[in-house]
Amino acid sequence: MSFVFGPFFITKCLVLFVIIGKIGKNEKSVNFELELHCANCKKKVPGGMKCSKKFYESKSFEKKIIEFKKNYLCGVCRDKKRTNK
């Protein structure tokens, strides 16, 4: 969707982030990118992630990311798995 105001165009951007952990109401957040591949078909997928600044600096964050990468499925593989049940 675009809006025209004089010579300028304002477009509505849809930015999707996967939130890891909990982000408090007044807590600062960190946006970062991960190199993600589907665990089933090995297809590269976008890896926009978001978490709280405190969690980003912790050891549990590293464990969570390793587990997330190991189990992540792309949309096609996730739908196949869901419909086969």
PDB file of N, CA and C in Angstrom:
ATOM      1  N   MET A   1       0.847  -1.163   0.000  1.00  0.00           N
ATOM      2  CA  MET A   1       0.000   0.000   0.000  1.00  0.00           C
ATOM      3  C   MET A   1       0.894   1.227   0.000  1.00  0.00           C
ATOM      4  N   SER A   2       0.666   2.166  -0.894  1.00  0.00           N
ATOM      5  CA  SER A   2       1.454   3.385  -0.987  1.00  0.00           C
ATOM      6  C   SER A   2       0.550   4.597  -0.888  1.00  0.00           C
ATOM      7  N   PHE A   3       1.083   5.637  -0.319  1.00  0.00           N
ATOM      8  CA  PHE A   3       0.373   6.903  -0.217  1.00  0.00           C
ATOM      9  C   PHE A   3       1.192   7.964  -0.926  1.00  0.00           C
ATOM     10  N   VAL A   4       0.522   8.865  -1.633  1.00  0.00           N
ATOM     11  CA  VAL A   4       1.221   9.925  -2.349  1.00  0.00           C
ATOM     12  C   VAL A   4       0.946  11.246  -1.650  1.00  0.00           C
ATOM     13  N   PHE A   5       2.003  11.911  -1.236  1.00  0.00           N
ATOM     14  CA  PHE A   5       1.916  13.244  -0.644  1.00  0.00           C
ATOM     15  C   PHE A   5       2.861  14.132  -1.415  1.00  0.00           C
ATOM     16  N   GLY A   6       2.334  14.877  -2.403  1.00  0.00           N
ATOM     17  CA  GLY A   6       3.190  15.715  -3.232  1.00  0.00           C
ATOM     18  C   GLY A   6       4.162  14.833  -4.014  1.00  0.00           C
ATOM     19  N   PRO A   7       5.432  15.220  -4.044  1.00  0.00           N
ATOM     20  CA  PRO A   7       6.407  14.426  -4.807  1.00  0.00           C
ATOM     21  C   PRO A   7       6.941  13.202  -4.049  1.00  0.00           C
ATOM     22  N   PHE A   8       6.468  12.960  -2.822  1.00  0.00           N
ATOM     23  CA  PHE A   8       7.010  11.877  -1.999  1.00  0.00           C
ATOM     24  C   PHE A   8       6.059  10.688  -1.957  1.00  0.00           C
ATOM     25  N   PHE A   9       6.600   9.526  -1.891  1.00  0.00           N
ATOM     26  CA  PHE A   9       5.827   8.305  -1.728  1.00  0.00           C
ATOM     27  C   PHE A   9       6.139   7.731  -0.357  1.00  0.00           C
ATOM     28  N   ILE A  10       5.112   7.368   0.373  1.00  0.00           N
ATOM     29  CA  ILE A  10       5.276   6.704   1.657  1.00  0.00           C
ATOM     30  C   ILE A  10       4.698   5.315   1.494  1.00  0.00           C
ATOM     31  N   THR A  11       5.528   4.311   1.692  1.00  0.00           N
ATOM     32  CA  THR A  11       5.045   2.949   1.532  1.00  0.00           C
ATOM     33  C   THR A  11       4.907   2.306   2.898  1.00  0.00           C
ATOM     34  N   LYS A  12       3.953   1.430   2.996  1.00  0.00           N
ATOM     35  CA  LYS A  12       3.726   0.695   4.230  1.00  0.00           C
ATOM     36  C   LYS A  12       4.581  -0.563   4.171  1.00  0.00           C
ATOM     37  N   CYS A  13       5.556  -0.661   5.054  1.00  0.00           N
ATOM     38  CA  CYS A  13       6.475  -1.793   5.064  1.00  0.00           C
ATOM     39  C   CYS A  13       6.029  -2.804   6.105  1.00  0.00           C
ATOM     40  N   LEU A  14       6.130  -4.046   5.754  1.00  0.00           N
ATOM     41  CA  LEU A  14       5.807  -5.131   6.678  1.00  0.00           C
ATOM     42  C   LEU A  14       7.117  -5.809   7.059  1.00  0.00           C
ATOM     43  N   VAL A  15       7.536  -5.623   8.295  1.00  0.00           N
ATOM     44  CA  VAL A  15       8.770  -6.210   8.782  1.00  0.00           C
ATOM     45  C   VAL A  15       8.406  -7.260   9.809  1.00  0.00           C
ATOM     46  N   LEU A  16       8.838  -8.480   9.572  1.00  0.00           N
ATOM     47  CA  LEU A  16       8.516  -9.578  10.470  1.00  0.00           C
ATOM     48  C   LEU A  16       9.747  -9.992  11.254  1.00  0.00           C
ATOM     49  N   PHE A  17       9.592 -10.132  12.544  1.00  0.00           N
ATOM     50  CA  PHE A  17      10.652 -10.589  13.411  1.00  0.00           C
ATOM     51  C   PHE A  17      10.126 -11.741  14.252  1.00  0.00           C
ATOM     52  N   VAL A  18      10.960 -12.723  14.481  1.00  0.00           N
ATOM     53  CA  VAL A  18      10.642 -13.779  15.428  1.00  0.00           C
ATOM     54  C   VAL A  18      11.168 -13.301  16.774  1.00  0.00           C
ATOM     55  N   ILE A  19      10.329 -13.275  17.779  1.00  0.00           N
ATOM     56  CA  ILE A  19      10.726 -12.809  19.110  1.00  0.00           C
ATOM     57  C   ILE A  19      11.159 -14.014  19.934  1.00  0.00           C
ATOM     58  N   ILE A  20      12.361 -13.927  20.470  1.00  0.00           N
ATOM     59  CA  ILE A  20      12.894 -14.984  21.325  1.00  0.00           C
ATOM     60  C   ILE A  20      12.921 -14.454  22.750  1.00  0.00           C
ATOM     61  N   GLY A  21      12.398 -15.213  23.688  1.00  0.00           N
ATOM     62  CA  GLY A  21      12.327 -14.775  25.077  1.00  0.00           C
ATOM     63  C   GLY A  21      11.196 -13.786  25.264  1.00  0.00           C
ATOM     64  N   LYS A  22      11.210 -13.110  26.396  1.00  0.00           N
ATOM     65  CA  LYS A  22      10.176 -12.122  26.698  1.00  0.00           C
ATOM     66  C   LYS A  22      10.784 -10.727  26.655  1.00  0.00           C
ATOM     67  N   ILE A  23      10.009  -9.795  26.141  1.00  0.00           N
ATOM     68  CA  ILE A  23      10.427  -8.393  26.112  1.00  0.00           C
ATOM     69  C   ILE A  23       9.442  -7.622  26.974  1.00  0.00           C
ATOM     70  N   GLY A  24       9.953  -7.012  28.037  1.00  0.00           N
ATOM     71  CA  GLY A  24       9.110  -6.237  28.941  1.00  0.00           C
ATOM     72  C   GLY A  24       8.581  -4.980  28.282  1.00  0.00           C
ATOM     73  N   LYS A  25       7.613  -4.350  28.912  1.00  0.00           N
ATOM     74  CA  LYS A  25       6.958  -3.176  28.348  1.00  0.00           C
ATOM     75  C   LYS A  25       7.936  -2.017  28.113  1.00  0.00           C
ATOM     76  N   ASN A  26       8.777  -1.708  29.087  1.00  0.00           N
ATOM     77  CA  ASN A  26       9.714  -0.582  28.962  1.00  0.00           C
ATOM     78  C   ASN A  26      11.147  -1.050  28.729  1.00  0.00           C
ATOM     79  N   GLU A  27      11.311  -2.285  28.293  1.00  0.00           N
ATOM     80  CA  GLU A  27      12.640  -2.850  28.100  1.00  0.00           C
ATOM     81  C   GLU A  27      13.116  -2.602  26.669  1.00  0.00           C
ATOM     82  N   LYS A  28      14.407  -2.335  26.524  1.00  0.00           N
ATOM     83  CA  LYS A  28      14.976  -2.128  25.201  1.00  0.00           C
ATOM     84  C   LYS A  28      15.103  -3.466  24.493  1.00  0.00           C
ATOM     85  N   SER A  29      14.916  -3.442  23.167  1.00  0.00           N
ATOM     86  CA  SER A  29      15.014  -4.670  22.389  1.00  0.00           C
ATOM     87  C   SER A  29      16.159  -4.565  21.386  1.00  0.00           C
ATOM     88  N   VAL A  30      16.623  -5.719  20.933  1.00  0.00           N
ATOM     89  CA  VAL A  30      17.713  -5.816  19.973  1.00  0.00           C
ATOM     90  C   VAL A  30      17.199  -6.572  18.758  1.00  0.00           C
ATOM     91  N   ASN A  31      17.389  -6.013  17.567  1.00  0.00           N
ATOM     92  CA  ASN A  31      17.052  -6.696  16.320  1.00  0.00           C
ATOM     93  C   ASN A  31      18.349  -7.247  15.735  1.00  0.00           C
ATOM     94  N   PHE A  32      18.322  -8.494  15.271  1.00  0.00           N
ATOM     95  CA  PHE A  32      19.507  -9.089  14.681  1.00  0.00           C
ATOM     96  C   PHE A  32      19.099 -10.094  13.617  1.00  0.00           C
ATOM     97  N   GLU A  33      20.044 -10.455  12.769  1.00  0.00           N
ATOM     98  CA  GLU A  33      19.809 -11.409  11.693  1.00  0.00           C
ATOM     99  C   GLU A  33      20.557 -12.704  11.975  1.00  0.00           C
ATOM    100  N   LEU A  34      19.925 -13.821  11.689  1.00  0.00           N
ATOM    101  CA  LEU A  34      20.543 -15.142  11.811  1.00  0.00           C
ATOM    102  C   LEU A  34      20.620 -15.785  10.439  1.00  0.00           C
ATOM    103  N   GLU A  35      21.642 -16.587  10.229  1.00  0.00           N
ATOM    104  CA  GLU A  35      21.736 -17.394   9.020  1.00  0.00           C
ATOM    105  C   GLU A  35      20.926 -18.657   9.290  1.00  0.00           C
ATOM    106  N   LEU A  36      19.703 -18.699   8.792  1.00  0.00           N
ATOM    107  CA  LEU A  36      18.804 -19.830   9.056  1.00  0.00           C
ATOM    108  C   LEU A  36      18.603 -20.691   7.825  1.00  0.00           C
ATOM    109  N   HIS A  37      18.597 -21.999   8.045  1.00  0.00           N
ATOM    110  CA  HIS A  37      18.289 -22.977   7.008  1.00  0.00           C
ATOM    111  C   HIS A  37      17.256 -23.937   7.579  1.00  0.00           C
ATOM    112  N   CYS A  38      16.351 -24.383   6.712  1.00  0.00           N
ATOM    113  CA  CYS A  38      15.321 -25.336   7.126  1.00  0.00           C
ATOM    114  C   CYS A  38      15.993 -26.631   7.568  1.00  0.00           C
ATOM    115  N   ALA A  39      15.546 -27.189   8.668  1.00  0.00           N
ATOM    116  CA  ALA A  39      16.120 -28.435   9.185  1.00  0.00           C
ATOM    117  C   ALA A  39      15.758 -29.626   8.306  1.00  0.00           C
ATOM    118  N   ASN A  40      14.708 -29.511   7.490  1.00  0.00           N
ATOM    119  CA  ASN A  40      14.259 -30.617   6.655  1.00  0.00           C
ATOM    120  C   ASN A  40      14.827 -30.536   5.236  1.00  0.00           C
ATOM    121  N   CYS A  41      14.584 -29.445   4.522  1.00  0.00           N
ATOM    122  CA  CYS A  41      14.987 -29.334   3.114  1.00  0.00           C
ATOM    123  C   CYS A  41      16.252 -28.506   2.907  1.00  0.00           C
ATOM    124  N   LYS A  42      16.796 -27.916   3.959  1.00  0.00           N
ATOM    125  CA  LYS A  42      18.047 -27.135   3.931  1.00  0.00           C
ATOM    126  C   LYS A  42      17.951 -25.854   3.101  1.00  0.00           C
ATOM    127  N   LYS A  43      16.720 -25.373   2.845  1.00  0.00           N
ATOM    128  CA  LYS A  43      16.512 -24.132   2.111  1.00  0.00           C
ATOM    129  C   LYS A  43      16.832 -22.951   3.022  1.00  0.00           C
ATOM    130  N   LYS A  44      17.486 -21.902   2.471  1.00  0.00           N
ATOM    131  CA  LYS A  44      17.806 -20.710   3.259  1.00  0.00           C
ATOM    132  C   LYS A  44      16.536 -19.886   3.438  1.00  0.00           C
ATOM    133  N   VAL A  45      16.306 -19.433   4.647  1.00  0.00           N
ATOM    134  CA  VAL A  45      15.122 -18.638   4.970  1.00  0.00           C
ATOM    135  C   VAL A  45      15.545 -17.344   5.657  1.00  0.00           C
ATOM    136  N   PRO A  46      14.718 -16.288   5.578  1.00  0.00           N
ATOM    137  CA  PRO A  46      15.057 -15.032   6.251  1.00  0.00           C
ATOM    138  C   PRO A  46      15.127 -15.233   7.761  1.00  0.00           C
ATOM    139  N   GLY A  47      16.080 -14.581   8.399  1.00  0.00           N
ATOM    140  CA  GLY A  47      16.286 -14.806   9.827  1.00  0.00           C
ATOM    141  C   GLY A  47      16.228 -13.549  10.665  1.00  0.00           C
ATOM    142  N   GLY A  48      15.197 -12.724  10.504  1.00  0.00           N
ATOM    143  CA  GLY A  48      15.033 -11.534  11.332  1.00  0.00           C
ATOM    144  C   GLY A  48      14.563 -11.915  12.726  1.00  0.00           C
ATOM    145  N   MET A  49      15.347 -11.572  13.731  1.00  0.00           N
ATOM    146  CA  MET A  49      15.036 -11.961  15.110  1.00  0.00           C
ATOM    147  C   MET A  49      15.018 -10.719  16.001  1.00  0.00           C
ATOM    148  N   LYS A  50      14.358 -10.868  17.142  1.00  0.00           N
ATOM    149  CA  LYS A  50      14.237  -9.776  18.094  1.00  0.00           C
ATOM    150  C   LYS A  50      14.216 -10.362  19.494  1.00  0.00           C
ATOM    151  N   CYS A  51      14.946  -9.727  20.435  1.00  0.00           N
ATOM    152  CA  CYS A  51      14.910 -10.159  21.829  1.00  0.00           C
ATOM    153  C   CYS A  51      15.258  -8.963  22.716  1.00  0.00           C
ATOM    154  N   SER A  52      15.102  -9.142  24.017  1.00  0.00           N
ATOM    155  CA  SER A  52      15.432  -8.056  24.934  1.00  0.00           C
ATOM    156  C   SER A  52      16.945  -7.938  25.057  1.00  0.00           C
ATOM    157  N   LYS A  53      17.406  -6.745  25.411  1.00  0.00           N
ATOM    158  CA  LYS A  53      18.844  -6.499  25.501  1.00  0.00           C
ATOM    159  C   LYS A  53      19.490  -7.350  26.600  1.00  0.00           C
ATOM    160  N   LYS A  54      18.799  -7.523  27.722  1.00  0.00           N
ATOM    161  CA  LYS A  54      19.333  -8.348  28.811  1.00  0.00           C
ATOM    162  C   LYS A  54      19.491  -9.797  28.377  1.00  0.00           C
ATOM    163  N   PHE A  55      18.492 -10.325  27.701  1.00  0.00           N
ATOM    164  CA  PHE A  55      18.518 -11.721  27.258  1.00  0.00           C
ATOM    165  C   PHE A  55      19.584 -11.936  26.190  1.00  0.00           C
ATOM    166  N   TYR A  56      19.809 -10.933  25.330  1.00  0.00           N
ATOM    167  CA  TYR A  56      20.780 -11.015  24.241  1.00  0.00           C
ATOM    168  C   TYR A  56      22.198 -11.242  24.766  1.00  0.00           C
ATOM    169  N   GLU A  57      22.474 -10.758  25.958  1.00  0.00           N
ATOM    170  CA  GLU A  57      23.812 -10.850  26.534  1.00  0.00           C
ATOM    171  C   GLU A  57      23.982 -12.046  27.459  1.00  0.00           C
ATOM    172  N   SER A  58      23.049 -12.990  27.485  1.00  0.00           N
ATOM    173  CA  SER A  58      23.114 -14.097  28.438  1.00  0.00           C
ATOM    174  C   SER A  58      23.533 -15.407  27.766  1.00  0.00           C
ATOM    175  N   LYS A  59      23.923 -16.371  28.604  1.00  0.00           N
ATOM    176  CA  LYS A  59      24.309 -17.697  28.098  1.00  0.00           C
ATOM    177  C   LYS A  59      23.087 -18.490  27.652  1.00  0.00           C
ATOM    178  N   SER A  60      21.960 -18.280  28.300  1.00  0.00           N
ATOM    179  CA  SER A  60      20.744 -19.000  27.905  1.00  0.00           C
ATOM    180  C   SER A  60      20.298 -18.591  26.497  1.00  0.00           C
ATOM    181  N   PHE A  61      20.648 -17.381  26.076  1.00  0.00           N
ATOM    182  CA  PHE A  61      20.351 -16.912  24.725  1.00  0.00           C
ATOM    183  C   PHE A  61      21.066 -17.796  23.700  1.00  0.00           C
ATOM    184  N   GLU A  62      22.340 -18.074  23.931  1.00  0.00           N
ATOM    185  CA  GLU A  62      23.119 -18.903  23.006  1.00  0.00           C
ATOM    186  C   GLU A  62      22.515 -20.307  22.892  1.00  0.00           C
ATOM    187  N   LYS A  63      22.119 -20.879  24.026  1.00  0.00           N
ATOM    188  CA  LYS A  63      21.503 -22.206  24.018  1.00  0.00           C
ATOM    189  C   LYS A  63      20.194 -22.194  23.233  1.00  0.00           C
ATOM    190  N   LYS A  64      19.401 -21.157  23.437  1.00  0.00           N
ATOM    191  CA  LYS A  64      18.100 -21.028  22.773  1.00  0.00           C
ATOM    192  C   LYS A  64      18.284 -20.909  21.248  1.00  0.00           C
ATOM    193  N   ILE A  65      19.278 -20.146  20.810  1.00  0.00           N
ATOM    194  CA  ILE A  65      19.536 -19.961  19.381  1.00  0.00           C
ATOM    195  C   ILE A  65      19.981 -21.276  18.739  1.00  0.00           C
ATOM    196  N   ILE A  66      20.856 -22.021  19.398  1.00  0.00           N
ATOM    197  CA  ILE A  66      21.310 -23.307  18.867  1.00  0.00           C
ATOM    198  C   ILE A  66      20.133 -24.262  18.710  1.00  0.00           C
ATOM    199  N   GLU A  67      19.278 -24.322  19.709  1.00  0.00           N
ATOM    200  CA  GLU A  67      18.088 -25.189  19.660  1.00  0.00           C
ATOM    201  C   GLU A  67      17.116 -24.727  18.573  1.00  0.00           C
ATOM    202  N   PHE A  68      16.953 -23.412  18.429  1.00  0.00           N
ATOM    203  CA  PHE A  68      16.051 -22.850  17.426  1.00  0.00           C
ATOM    204  C   PHE A  68      16.526 -23.215  16.020  1.00  0.00           C
ATOM    205  N   LYS A  69      17.831 -23.071  15.756  1.00  0.00           N
ATOM    206  CA  LYS A  69      18.379 -23.395  14.442  1.00  0.00           C
ATOM    207  C   LYS A  69      18.231 -24.879  14.125  1.00  0.00           C
ATOM    208  N   LYS A  70      18.361 -25.716  15.128  1.00  0.00           N
ATOM    209  CA  LYS A  70      18.290 -27.158  14.938  1.00  0.00           C
ATOM    210  C   LYS A  70      16.880 -27.610  14.561  1.00  0.00           C
ATOM    211  N   ASN A  71      15.855 -26.929  15.072  1.00  0.00           N
ATOM    212  CA  ASN A  71      14.466 -27.360  14.885  1.00  0.00           C
ATOM    213  C   ASN A  71      13.656 -26.513  13.914  1.00  0.00           C
ATOM    214  N   TYR A  72      14.244 -25.484  13.295  1.00  0.00           N
ATOM    215  CA  TYR A  72      13.479 -24.559  12.468  1.00  0.00           C
ATOM    216  C   TYR A  72      13.060 -25.201  11.146  1.00  0.00           C
ATOM    217  N   LEU A  73      11.794 -25.056  10.778  1.00  0.00           N
ATOM    218  CA  LEU A  73      11.267 -25.534   9.510  1.00  0.00           C
ATOM    219  C   LEU A  73      10.768 -24.362   8.683  1.00  0.00           C
ATOM    220  N   CYS A  74      11.011 -24.416   7.368  1.00  0.00           N
ATOM    221  CA  CYS A  74      10.477 -23.377   6.486  1.00  0.00           C
ATOM    222  C   CYS A  74       8.958 -23.536   6.409  1.00  0.00           C
ATOM    223  N   GLY A  75       8.273 -22.586   5.811  1.00  0.00           N
ATOM    224  CA  GLY A  75       6.815 -22.617   5.740  1.00  0.00           C
ATOM    225  C   GLY A  75       6.272 -23.825   4.996  1.00  0.00           C
ATOM    226  N   VAL A  76       6.945 -24.235   3.910  1.00  0.00           N
ATOM    227  CA  VAL A  76       6.479 -25.370   3.112  1.00  0.00           C
ATOM    228  C   VAL A  76       6.580 -26.665   3.923  1.00  0.00           C
ATOM    229  N   CYS A  77       7.735 -26.889   4.550  1.00  0.00           N
ATOM    230  CA  CYS A  77       7.924 -28.120   5.345  1.00  0.00           C
ATOM    231  C   CYS A  77       7.027 -28.128   6.580  1.00  0.00           C
ATOM    232  N   ARG A  78       6.820 -26.959   7.185  1.00  0.00           N
ATOM    233  CA  ARG A  78       5.945 -26.867   8.353  1.00  0.00           C
ATOM    234  C   ARG A  78       4.506 -27.216   7.969  1.00  0.00           C
ATOM    235  N   ASP A  79       4.050 -26.734   6.796  1.00  0.00           N
ATOM    236  CA  ASP A  79       2.699 -27.040   6.340  1.00  0.00           C
ATOM    237  C   ASP A  79       2.540 -28.518   5.984  1.00  0.00           C
ATOM    238  N   LYS A  80       3.566 -29.102   5.368  1.00  0.00           N
ATOM    239  CA  LYS A  80       3.514 -30.534   5.046  1.00  0.00           C
ATOM    240  C   LYS A  80       3.408 -31.361   6.314  1.00  0.00           C
ATOM    241  N   LYS A  81       4.198 -31.013   7.315  1.00  0.00           N
ATOM    242  CA  LYS A  81       4.170 -31.743   8.571  1.00  0.00           C
ATOM    243  C   LYS A  81       2.817 -31.608   9.265  1.00  0.00           C
ATOM    244  N   ARG A  82       2.253 -30.395   9.211  1.00  0.00           N
ATOM    245  CA  ARG A  82       0.977 -30.138   9.877  1.00  0.00           C
ATOM    246  C   ARG A  82      -0.165 -30.861   9.188  1.00  0.00           C
ATOM    247  N   THR A  83      -0.176 -30.919   7.866  1.00  0.00           N
ATOM    248  CA  THR A  83      -1.286 -31.552   7.137  1.00  0.00           C
ATOM    249  C   THR A  83      -1.181 -33.076   7.126  1.00  0.00           C
ATOM    250  N   ASN A  84       0.018 -33.627   7.351  1.00  0.00           N
ATOM    251  CA  ASN A  84       0.188 -35.078   7.374  1.00  0.00           C
ATOM    252  C   ASN A  84      -0.272 -35.692   8.681  1.00  0.00           C
ATOM    253  N   LYS A  85      -0.531 -34.909   9.702  1.00  0.00           N
ATOM    254  CA  LYS A  85      -0.938 -35.463  11.004  1.00  0.00           C
ATOM    255  C   LYS A  85      -2.334 -36.005  10.970  1.00  0.00           C
TER     256      LYS A  85
END
